[in-house]
PDB file of N, CA and C in Angstrom:
ATOM      1  N   MET A   1     185.798  70.692  44.421  1.00  0.00           N
ATOM      2  CA  MET A   1     185.193  70.679  43.553  1.00  0.00           C
ATOM      3  C   MET A   1     183.899  70.072  43.191  1.00  0.00           C
ATOM      4  N   THR A   2     182.642  69.651  42.602  1.00  0.00           N
ATOM      5  CA  THR A   2     181.327  68.843  43.407  1.00  0.00           C
ATOM      6  C   THR A   2     181.964  67.994  42.116  1.00  0.00           C
ATOM      7  N   SER A   3     180.842  66.703  42.271  1.00  0.00           N
ATOM      8  CA  SER A   3     181.230  65.890  41.137  1.00  0.00           C
ATOM      9  C   SER A   3     180.536  65.885  39.939  1.00  0.00           C
ATOM     10  N   ASP A   4     179.753  67.117  40.263  1.00  0.00           N
ATOM     11  CA  ASP A   4     178.598  67.580  38.988  1.00  0.00           C
ATOM     12  C   ASP A   4     179.466  68.686  38.414  1.00  0.00           C
ATOM     13  N   ALA A   5     180.584  69.368  38.856  1.00  0.00           N
ATOM     14  CA  ALA A   5     181.040  70.102  38.028  1.00  0.00           C
ATOM     15  C   ALA A   5     182.490  69.229  37.274  1.00  0.00           C
ATOM     16  N   LEU A   6     183.141  68.500  37.895  1.00  0.00           N
ATOM     17  CA  LEU A   6     184.129  67.354  37.658  1.00  0.00           C
ATOM     18  C   LEU A   6     183.255  66.331  35.860  1.00  0.00           C
ATOM     19  N   GLU A   7     182.393  66.163  36.587  1.00  0.00           N
ATOM     20  CA  GLU A   7     181.964  65.586  35.468  1.00  0.00           C
ATOM     21  C   GLU A   7     181.775  66.295  34.618  1.00  0.00           C
ATOM     22  N   LYS A   8     181.230  67.477  34.221  1.00  0.00           N
ATOM     23  CA  LYS A   8     180.937  69.048  33.152  1.00  0.00           C
ATOM     24  C   LYS A   8     182.519  68.613  32.390  1.00  0.00           C
ATOM     25  N   ILE A   9     183.476  69.325  33.163  1.00  0.00           N
ATOM     26  CA  ILE A   9     184.443  69.111  32.853  1.00  0.00           C
ATOM     27  C   ILE A   9     184.884  67.716  31.834  1.00  0.00           C
ATOM     28  N   ILE A  10     184.688  66.668  32.525  1.00  0.00           N
ATOM     29  CA  ILE A  10     185.561  66.088  31.755  1.00  0.00           C
ATOM     30  C   ILE A  10     184.267  65.563  30.439  1.00  0.00           C
ATOM     31  N   GLN A  11     183.301  65.716  30.174  1.00  0.00           N
ATOM     32  CA  GLN A  11     182.295  65.990  29.656  1.00  0.00           C
ATOM     33  C   GLN A  11     182.626  66.747  28.236  1.00  0.00           C
ATOM     34  N   GLN A  12     183.221  67.727  28.695  1.00  0.00           N
ATOM     35  CA  GLN A  12     183.824  69.087  27.837  1.00  0.00           C
ATOM     36  C   GLN A  12     185.302  68.200  27.008  1.00  0.00           C
ATOM     37  N   ILE A  13     186.069  67.809  27.873  1.00  0.00           N
ATOM     38  CA  ILE A  13     186.795  67.018  27.344  1.00  0.00           C
ATOM     39  C   ILE A  13     187.168  65.902  26.867  1.00  0.00           C
ATOM     40  N   GLU A  14     185.682  64.960  26.407  1.00  0.00           N
ATOM     41  CA  GLU A  14     185.278  64.088  25.994  1.00  0.00           C
ATOM     42  C   GLU A  14     184.931  64.210  24.624  1.00  0.00           C
ATOM     43  N   ASP A  15     184.283  65.452  24.551  1.00  0.00           N
ATOM     44  CA  ASP A  15     183.776  66.172  23.472  1.00  0.00           C
ATOM     45  C   ASP A  15     184.781  66.735  22.356  1.00  0.00           C
ATOM     46  N   THR A  16     185.914  67.146  22.794  1.00  0.00           N
ATOM     47  CA  THR A  16     187.321  67.439  22.317  1.00  0.00           C
ATOM     48  C   THR A  16     188.120  66.351  21.167  1.00  0.00           C
ATOM     49  N   LEU A  17     187.872  65.204  22.024  1.00  0.00           N
ATOM     50  CA  LEU A  17     188.500  64.019  21.898  1.00  0.00           C
ATOM     51  C   LEU A  17     188.072  63.306  20.671  1.00  0.00           C
ATOM     52  N   PRO A  18     189.488  63.151  19.342  1.00  0.00           N
ATOM     53  CA  PRO A  18     188.703  61.936  18.719  1.00  0.00           C
ATOM     54  C   PRO A  18     188.268  60.431  18.866  1.00  0.00           C
ATOM     55  N   ASP A  19     187.593  60.077  18.517  1.00  0.00           N
ATOM     56  CA  ASP A  19     186.811  58.323  19.091  1.00  0.00           C
ATOM     57  C   ASP A  19     188.205  57.655  19.296  1.00  0.00           C
ATOM     58  N   THR A  20     189.388  57.748  19.009  1.00  0.00           N
ATOM     59  CA  THR A  20     190.216  57.516  19.358  1.00  0.00           C
ATOM     60  C   THR A  20     191.011  56.862  20.347  1.00  0.00           C
ATOM     61  N   ASP A  21     190.659  57.994  20.968  1.00  0.00           N
ATOM     62  CA  ASP A  21     190.416  58.060  22.350  1.00  0.00           C
ATOM     63  C   ASP A  21     190.092  58.993  23.042  1.00  0.00           C
ATOM     64  N   LYS A  22     188.408  58.275  23.072  1.00  0.00           N
ATOM     65  CA  LYS A  22     187.280  58.101  23.827  1.00  0.00           C
ATOM     66  C   LYS A  22     187.939  57.364  25.254  1.00  0.00           C
ATOM     67  N   HIS A  23     188.405  56.583  24.941  1.00  0.00           N
ATOM     68  CA  HIS A  23     189.034  55.132  26.524  1.00  0.00           C
ATOM     69  C   HIS A  23     189.964  55.789  26.950  1.00  0.00           C
ATOM     70  N   LEU A  24     190.570  57.043  26.962  1.00  0.00           N
ATOM     71  CA  LEU A  24     191.107  57.235  27.979  1.00  0.00           C
ATOM     72  C   LEU A  24     190.259  58.403  29.086  1.00  0.00           C
ATOM     73  N   VAL A  25     189.231  59.023  28.787  1.00  0.00           N
ATOM     74  CA  VAL A  25     187.873  59.344  29.509  1.00  0.00           C
ATOM     75  C   VAL A  25     187.294  58.579  30.159  1.00  0.00           C
ATOM     76  N   THR A  26     186.835  56.977  30.321  1.00  0.00           N
ATOM     77  CA  THR A  26     186.525  56.338  30.496  1.00  0.00           C
ATOM     78  C   THR A  26     187.412  55.447  31.430  1.00  0.00           C
ATOM     79  N   ALA A  27     188.745  55.907  31.191  1.00  0.00           N
ATOM     80  CA  ALA A  27     189.656  55.801  32.218  1.00  0.00           C
ATOM     81  C   ALA A  27     190.292  56.056  33.440  1.00  0.00           C
ATOM     82  N   LEU A  28     189.964  57.878  32.861  1.00  0.00           N
ATOM     83  CA  LEU A  28     189.826  58.540  34.013  1.00  0.00           C
ATOM     84  C   LEU A  28     188.401  58.230  35.042  1.00  0.00           C
ATOM     85  N   ARG A  29     187.278  58.351  34.777  1.00  0.00           N
ATOM     86  CA  ARG A  29     185.984  58.479  35.161  1.00  0.00           C
ATOM     87  C   ARG A  29     186.237  57.102  35.919  1.00  0.00           C
ATOM     88  N   ASN A  30     187.165  56.252  35.816  1.00  0.00           N
ATOM     89  CA  ASN A  30     186.615  54.929  36.360  1.00  0.00           C
ATOM     90  C   ASN A  30     188.250  55.351  37.197  1.00  0.00           C
ATOM     91  N   GLU A  31     189.109  55.676  37.162  1.00  0.00           N
ATOM     92  CA  GLU A  31     189.769  56.201  38.060  1.00  0.00           C
ATOM     93  C   GLU A  31     189.435  57.505  39.302  1.00  0.00           C
ATOM     94  N   ILE A  32     188.527  57.675  38.780  1.00  0.00           N
ATOM     95  CA  ILE A  32     188.095  58.780  40.108  1.00  0.00           C
ATOM     96  C   ILE A  32     187.052  58.532  40.985  1.00  0.00           C
ATOM     97  N   ALA A  33     186.906  57.506  40.323  1.00  0.00           N
ATOM     98  CA  ALA A  33     185.163  56.793  40.654  1.00  0.00           C
ATOM     99  C   ALA A  33     186.261  55.533  42.390  1.00  0.00           C
ATOM    100  N   ARG A  34     187.080  54.919  41.175  1.00  0.00           N
ATOM    101  CA  ARG A  34     188.065  54.617  42.722  1.00  0.00           C
ATOM    102  C   ARG A  34     188.491  54.966  43.804  1.00  0.00           C
ATOM    103  N   ALA A  35     189.112  56.201  43.448  1.00  0.00           N
ATOM    104  CA  ALA A  35     189.774  57.151  44.483  1.00  0.00           C
ATOM    105  C   ALA A  35     188.788  57.657  45.312  1.00  0.00           C
ATOM    106  N   GLY A  36     188.002  57.680  44.781  1.00  0.00           N
ATOM    107  CA  GLY A  36     187.107  58.831  45.656  1.00  0.00           C
ATOM    108  C   GLY A  36     186.123  57.058  47.009  1.00  0.00           C
ATOM    109  N   THR A  37     186.695  56.206  46.935  1.00  0.00           N
ATOM    110  CA  THR A  37     185.854  54.901  47.629  1.00  0.00           C
ATOM    111  C   THR A  37     187.006  55.315  49.056  1.00  0.00           C
ATOM    112  N   PRO A  38     186.152  54.888  50.138  1.00  0.00           N
ATOM    113  CA  PRO A  38     186.753  54.814  51.542  1.00  0.00           C
ATOM    114  C   PRO A  38     187.845  54.240  51.941  1.00  0.00           C
ATOM    115  N   GLU A  39     187.889  53.172  51.054  1.00  0.00           N
ATOM    116  CA  GLU A  39     188.723  52.129  51.221  1.00  0.00           C
ATOM    117  C   GLU A  39     190.504  52.659  50.778  1.00  0.00           C
ATOM    118  N   ASN A  40     190.581  53.383  49.695  1.00  0.00           N
ATOM    119  CA  ASN A  40     191.370  53.852  49.091  1.00  0.00           C
ATOM    120  C   ASN A  40     192.259  55.110  49.851  1.00  0.00           C
ATOM    121  N   LYS A  41     190.983  55.915  50.841  1.00  0.00           N
ATOM    122  CA  LYS A  41     191.539  56.792  51.081  1.00  0.00           C
ATOM    123  C   LYS A  41     192.220  56.467  51.946  1.00  0.00           C
ATOM    124  N   GLN A  42     194.184  56.163  52.724  1.00  0.00           N
ATOM    125  CA  GLN A  42     194.729  56.128  53.308  1.00  0.00           C
ATOM    126  C   GLN A  42     194.632  56.167  54.529  1.00  0.00           C
ATOM    127  N   ASP A  43     195.493  57.642  53.795  1.00  0.00           N
ATOM    128  CA  ASP A  43     195.749  59.219  54.719  1.00  0.00           C
ATOM    129  C   ASP A  43     194.682  59.955  55.114  1.00  0.00           C
ATOM    130  N   LYS A  44     193.474  59.234  55.107  1.00  0.00           N
ATOM    131  CA  LYS A  44     192.891  60.480  55.918  1.00  0.00           C
ATOM    132  C   LYS A  44     192.535  59.624  56.918  1.00  0.00           C
ATOM    133  N   VAL A  45     192.188  60.669  57.727  1.00  0.00           N
ATOM    134  CA  VAL A  45     191.868  60.307  59.312  1.00  0.00           C
ATOM    135  C   VAL A  45     190.353  60.736  59.318  1.00  0.00           C
ATOM    136  N   THR A  46     189.719  60.260  60.516  1.00  0.00           N
ATOM    137  CA  THR A  46     187.846  60.624  60.579  1.00  0.00           C
ATOM    138  C   THR A  46     187.873  60.344  61.891  1.00  0.00           C
ATOM    139  N   SER A  47     188.564  59.074  62.248  1.00  0.00           N
ATOM    140  CA  SER A  47     187.982  58.603  63.828  1.00  0.00           C
ATOM    141  C   SER A  47     188.314  59.406  64.554  1.00  0.00           C
ATOM    142  N   HIS A  48     189.494  59.842  65.183  1.00  0.00           N
ATOM    143  CA  HIS A  48     189.568  60.930  66.444  1.00  0.00           C
ATOM    144  C   HIS A  48     190.451  62.489  66.194  1.00  0.00           C
ATOM    145  N   HIS A  49     190.645  63.049  67.035  1.00  0.00           N
ATOM    146  CA  HIS A  49     191.687  64.217  66.862  1.00  0.00           C
ATOM    147  C   HIS A  49     192.732  64.100  67.564  1.00  0.00           C
ATOM    148  N   PRO A  50     194.096  63.392  66.709  1.00  0.00           N
ATOM    149  CA  PRO A  50     195.074  63.486  68.366  1.00  0.00           C
ATOM    150  C   PRO A  50     195.701  63.794  68.857  1.00  0.00           C
ATOM    151  N   ASP A  51     196.592  63.265  69.978  1.00  0.00           N
ATOM    152  CA  ASP A  51     196.785  64.023  71.197  1.00  0.00           C
ATOM    153  C   ASP A  51     198.247  64.906  70.696  1.00  0.00           C
ATOM    154  N   ILE A  52     198.455  65.982  71.283  1.00  0.00           N
ATOM    155  CA  ILE A  52     199.752  67.287  70.637  1.00  0.00           C
ATOM    156  C   ILE A  52     200.769  66.367  71.431  1.00  0.00           C
ATOM    157  N   ASP A  53     202.233  65.923  70.946  1.00  0.00           N
ATOM    158  CA  ASP A  53     203.338  65.498  72.266  1.00  0.00           C
ATOM    159  C   ASP A  53     204.034  66.756  72.460  1.00  0.00           C
ATOM    160  N   ALA A  54     203.782  67.355  73.514  1.00  0.00           N
ATOM    161  CA  ALA A  54     204.690  68.738  73.501  1.00  0.00           C
ATOM    162  C   ALA A  54     206.354  68.469  73.766  1.00  0.00           C
ATOM    163  N   ASN A  55     206.630  67.580  73.545  1.00  0.00           N
ATOM    164  CA  ASN A  55     208.018  67.195  73.685  1.00  0.00           C
ATOM    165  C   ASN A  55     208.855  67.827  72.163  1.00  0.00           C
ATOM    166  N   SER A  56     207.724  67.229  71.585  1.00  0.00           N
ATOM    167  CA  SER A  56     208.225  67.997  69.674  1.00  0.00           C
ATOM    168  C   SER A  56     206.701  68.585  69.022  1.00  0.00           C
ATOM    169  N   GLY A  57     206.079  69.299  69.682  1.00  0.00           N
ATOM    170  CA  GLY A  57     205.141  69.791  69.235  1.00  0.00           C
ATOM    171  C   GLY A  57     204.373  69.018  67.758  1.00  0.00           C
ATOM    172  N   CYS A  58     204.805  67.472  67.553  1.00  0.00           N
ATOM    173  CA  CYS A  58     203.428  67.160  66.612  1.00  0.00           C
ATOM    174  C   CYS A  58     202.517  66.527  67.226  1.00  0.00           C
ATOM    175  N   TYR A  59     201.969  65.771  66.237  1.00  0.00           N
ATOM    176  CA  TYR A  59     200.383  64.571  67.121  1.00  0.00           C
ATOM    177  C   TYR A  59     201.184  63.671  66.769  1.00  0.00           C
ATOM    178  N   ARG A  60     200.677  62.557  68.033  1.00  0.00           N
ATOM    179  CA  ARG A  60     200.589  60.999  68.518  1.00  0.00           C
ATOM    180  C   ARG A  60     199.669  61.154  68.332  1.00  0.00           C
ATOM    181  N   PHE A  61     199.261  60.065  67.425  1.00  0.00           N
ATOM    182  CA  PHE A  61     197.805  59.179  67.337  1.00  0.00           C
ATOM    183  C   PHE A  61     197.668  57.530  68.203  1.00  0.00           C
ATOM    184  N   ASP A  62     197.356  57.539  69.112  1.00  0.00           N
ATOM    185  CA  ASP A  62     197.409  56.521  70.202  1.00  0.00           C
ATOM    186  C   ASP A  62     198.747  55.639  70.125  1.00  0.00           C
ATOM    187  N   ALA A  63     198.537  54.602  70.045  1.00  0.00           N
ATOM    188  CA  ALA A  63     200.065  53.805  70.355  1.00  0.00           C
ATOM    189  C   ALA A  63     200.550  53.707  68.971  1.00  0.00           C
ATOM    190  N   ASP A  64     200.664  54.606  68.214  1.00  0.00           N
ATOM    191  CA  ASP A  64     201.445  54.252  66.941  1.00  0.00           C
ATOM    192  C   ASP A  64     202.679  55.634  67.370  1.00  0.00           C
ATOM    193  N   PRO A  65     204.190  55.108  67.120  1.00  0.00           N
ATOM    194  CA  PRO A  65     205.080  55.648  67.953  1.00  0.00           C
ATOM    195  C   PRO A  65     205.444  56.637  67.320  1.00  0.00           C
ATOM    196  N   ASN A  66     205.017  57.150  66.242  1.00  0.00           N
ATOM    197  CA  ASN A  66     205.560  58.389  64.773  1.00  0.00           C
ATOM    198  C   ASN A  66     205.065  59.581  65.370  1.00  0.00           C
ATOM    199  N   LEU A  67     205.560  60.337  64.928  1.00  0.00           N
ATOM    200  CA  LEU A  67     205.088  61.723  65.206  1.00  0.00           C
ATOM    201  C   LEU A  67     204.672  62.590  63.634  1.00  0.00           C
ATOM    202  N   TYR A  68     203.826  63.142  63.980  1.00  0.00           N
ATOM    203  CA  TYR A  68     202.560  63.459  63.018  1.00  0.00           C
ATOM    204  C   TYR A  68     202.657  65.104  62.844  1.00  0.00           C
ATOM    205  N   CYS A  69     202.779  65.423  61.276  1.00  0.00           N
ATOM    206  CA  CYS A  69     202.505  67.163  61.426  1.00  0.00           C
ATOM    207  C   CYS A  69     201.440  67.938  61.737  1.00  0.00           C
ATOM    208  N   PRO A  70     201.113  68.330  62.531  1.00  0.00           N
ATOM    209  CA  PRO A  70     199.969  69.002  63.056  1.00  0.00           C
ATOM    210  C   PRO A  70     199.246  70.077  62.110  1.00  0.00           C
ATOM    211  N   HIS A  71     199.812  70.891  61.065  1.00  0.00           N
ATOM    212  CA  HIS A  71     199.305  71.195  60.020  1.00  0.00           C
ATOM    213  C   HIS A  71     198.735  70.491  59.158  1.00  0.00           C
ATOM    214  N   CYS A  72     199.620  69.892  58.448  1.00  0.00           N
ATOM    215  CA  CYS A  72     199.041  69.063  57.258  1.00  0.00           C
ATOM    216  C   CYS A  72     197.740  68.193  57.790  1.00  0.00           C
ATOM    217  N   PHE A  73     197.540  67.587  59.106  1.00  0.00           N
ATOM    218  CA  PHE A  73     196.309  66.926  59.711  1.00  0.00           C
ATOM    219  C   PHE A  73     195.581  67.928  59.455  1.00  0.00           C
ATOM    220  N   ASP A  74     195.816  69.007  60.251  1.00  0.00           N
ATOM    221  CA  ASP A  74     194.583  70.173  60.572  1.00  0.00           C
ATOM    222  C   ASP A  74     194.067  70.637  59.343  1.00  0.00           C
ATOM    223  N   HIS A  75     194.618  71.162  58.287  1.00  0.00           N
ATOM    224  CA  HIS A  75     194.579  71.303  56.695  1.00  0.00           C
ATOM    225  C   HIS A  75     194.173  70.811  56.352  1.00  0.00           C
ATOM    226  N   ALA A  76     194.394  69.069  55.861  1.00  0.00           N
ATOM    227  CA  ALA A  76     194.051  68.449  54.722  1.00  0.00           C
ATOM    228  C   ALA A  76     193.317  66.666  55.425  1.00  0.00           C
ATOM    229  N   GLN A  77     194.059  66.849  56.658  1.00  0.00           N
ATOM    230  CA  GLN A  77     193.940  65.683  57.328  1.00  0.00           C
ATOM    231  C   GLN A  77     194.149  64.384  57.035  1.00  0.00           C
ATOM    232  N   LYS A  78     195.276  64.494  56.963  1.00  0.00           N
ATOM    233  CA  LYS A  78     196.306  63.459  55.897  1.00  0.00           C
ATOM    234  C   LYS A  78     197.495  63.306  56.927  1.00  0.00           C
ATOM    235  N   ARG A  79     197.956  62.440  57.695  1.00  0.00           N
ATOM    236  CA  ARG A  79     199.165  61.801  58.705  1.00  0.00           C
ATOM    237  C   ARG A  79     200.598  61.799  57.655  1.00  0.00           C
ATOM    238  N   VAL A  80     201.306  62.421  57.976  1.00  0.00           N
ATOM    239  CA  VAL A  80     202.414  62.704  57.267  1.00  0.00           C
ATOM    240  C   VAL A  80     203.412  63.129  58.453  1.00  0.00           C
ATOM    241  N   ALA A  81     204.394  61.898  58.551  1.00  0.00           N
ATOM    242  CA  ALA A  81     205.723  61.568  59.446  1.00  0.00           C
ATOM    243  C   ALA A  81     206.559  62.926  59.549  1.00  0.00           C
ATOM    244  N   THR A  82     206.811  63.249  61.043  1.00  0.00           N
ATOM    245  CA  THR A  82     207.815  64.121  60.919  1.00  0.00           C
ATOM    246  C   THR A  82     209.299  63.672  60.484  1.00  0.00           C
ATOM    247  N   GLN A  83     210.483  64.473  60.562  1.00  0.00           N
ATOM    248  CA  GLN A  83     211.871  64.190  60.427  1.00  0.00           C
ATOM    249  C   GLN A  83     212.709  64.898  61.271  1.00  0.00           C
ATOM    250  N   ARG A  84     213.792  63.938  62.176  1.00  0.00           N
ATOM    251  CA  ARG A  84     214.081  65.145  63.217  1.00  0.00           C
ATOM    252  C   ARG A  84     215.542  65.461  62.774  1.00  0.00           C
ATOM    253  N   ILE A  85     215.448  67.282  62.773  1.00  0.00           N
ATOM    254  CA  ILE A  85     216.672  67.575  62.412  1.00  0.00           C
ATOM    255  C   ILE A  85     217.804  68.018  63.683  1.00  0.00           C
ATOM    256  N   ASN A  86     216.900  67.762  64.728  1.00  0.00           N
ATOM    257  CA  ASN A  86     218.459  68.022  65.461  1.00  0.00           C
ATOM    258  C   ASN A  86     217.015  67.657  67.093  1.00  0.00           C
ATOM    259  N   ARG A  87     218.075  68.096  68.347  1.00  0.00           N
ATOM    260  CA  ARG A  87     217.430  67.632  69.062  1.00  0.00           C
ATOM    261  C   ARG A  87     216.083  68.477  69.788  1.00  0.00           C
ATOM    262  N   GLN A  88     215.777  69.678  69.178  1.00  0.00           N
ATOM    263  CA  GLN A  88     214.746  70.551  69.763  1.00  0.00           C
ATOM    264  C   GLN A  88     214.093  70.530  68.271  1.00  0.00           C
ATOM    265  N   LEU A  89     214.185  70.177  67.192  1.00  0.00           N
ATOM    266  CA  LEU A  89     213.677  70.683  66.077  1.00  0.00           C
ATOM    267  C   LEU A  89     213.285  69.145  64.848  1.00  0.00           C
ATOM    268  N   ARG A  90     212.083  69.516  64.700  1.00  0.00           N
ATOM    269  CA  ARG A  90     211.465  68.782  63.840  1.00  0.00           C
ATOM    270  C   ARG A  90     210.868  68.999  63.063  1.00  0.00           C
ATOM    271  N   VAL A  91     210.869  68.944  61.690  1.00  0.00           N
ATOM    272  CA  VAL A  91     209.857  68.725  59.967  1.00  0.00           C
ATOM    273  C   VAL A  91     209.580  68.213  59.210  1.00  0.00           C
ATOM    274  N   CYS A  92     208.120  68.795  58.723  1.00  0.00           N
ATOM    275  CA  CYS A  92     207.490  68.429  57.995  1.00  0.00           C
ATOM    276  C   CYS A  92     207.879  67.420  56.931  1.00  0.00           C
ATOM    277  N   THR A  93     207.939  66.594  56.468  1.00  0.00           N
ATOM    278  CA  THR A  93     208.421  65.924  55.148  1.00  0.00           C
ATOM    279  C   THR A  93     207.674  66.767  54.011  1.00  0.00           C
ATOM    280  N   GLN A  94     206.215  66.845  54.146  1.00  0.00           N
ATOM    281  CA  GLN A  94     205.307  67.667  53.052  1.00  0.00           C
ATOM    282  C   GLN A  94     205.620  68.784  52.900  1.00  0.00           C
ATOM    283  N   CYS A  95     205.238  69.391  54.002  1.00  0.00           N
ATOM    284  CA  CYS A  95     205.100  70.747  53.614  1.00  0.00           C
ATOM    285  C   CYS A  95     206.163  71.521  54.250  1.00  0.00           C
ATOM    286  N   ARG A  96     206.979  70.833  55.056  1.00  0.00           N
ATOM    287  CA  ARG A  96     208.375  71.726  55.391  1.00  0.00           C
ATOM    288  C   ARG A  96     208.039  72.139  56.221  1.00  0.00           C
ATOM    289  N   ALA A  97     206.928  71.947  57.420  1.00  0.00           N
ATOM    290  CA  ALA A  97     206.821  73.137  58.822  1.00  0.00           C
ATOM    291  C   ALA A  97     208.139  72.691  59.263  1.00  0.00           C
ATOM    292  N   SER A  98     208.465  73.401  60.689  1.00  0.00           N
ATOM    293  CA  SER A  98     209.201  73.692  61.246  1.00  0.00           C
ATOM    294  C   SER A  98     208.433  73.143  62.734  1.00  0.00           C
ATOM    295  N   LEU A  99     208.653  72.477  63.161  1.00  0.00           N
ATOM    296  CA  LEU A  99     207.690  71.533  64.841  1.00  0.00           C
ATOM    297  C   LEU A  99     209.273  71.837  65.986  1.00  0.00           C
ATOM    298  N   LYS A 100     208.497  73.094  66.577  1.00  0.00           N
ATOM    299  CA  LYS A 100     209.298  73.151  68.290  1.00  0.00           C
ATOM    300  C   LYS A 100     208.266  71.983  68.864  1.00  0.00           C
ATOM    301  N   PRO A 101     209.207  72.151  70.315  1.00  0.00           N
ATOM    302  CA  PRO A 101     208.167  72.068  71.315  1.00  0.00           C
ATOM    303  C   PRO A 101     207.279  73.133  72.278  1.00  0.00           C
ATOM    304  N   VAL A 102     206.183  72.388  72.662  1.00  0.00           N
ATOM    305  CA  VAL A 102     205.622  73.353  72.966  1.00  0.00           C
ATOM    306  C   VAL A 102     205.759  74.206  74.609  1.00  0.00           C
ATOM    307  N   LYS A 103     205.951  75.691  74.710  1.00  0.00           N
ATOM    308  CA  LYS A 103     205.922  76.193  75.236  1.00  0.00           C
ATOM    309  C   LYS A 103     205.222  75.960  76.589  1.00  0.00           C
ATOM    310  N   LYS A 104     206.005  75.609  77.865  1.00  0.00           N
ATOM    311  CA  LYS A 104     204.968  75.616  78.450  1.00  0.00           C
ATOM    312  C   LYS A 104     204.993  76.958  79.854  1.00  0.00           C
TER     313      LYS A 104
END
């Protein structure tokens, strides 16, 4: 959604609110502006593409010891740590994808 479309929706909402509740729209605009700043996008990663860990099927970033879900990173650019289920299976804590070792 573009910022213009979002602003139009907010304006429509503001027009229907009583004057006593207009401060909510101002707070919403401030929060949207704050969320859009780069320092608040901590889970967004744009620096480089991670390496695939063949033993788990997960992504590994440089020296970071955690293993991350490739589905969440590829689709939403989010680093979501996976959780071990057993010796060969890991699962994403967010999208619930099952991740197995890469076949050789």
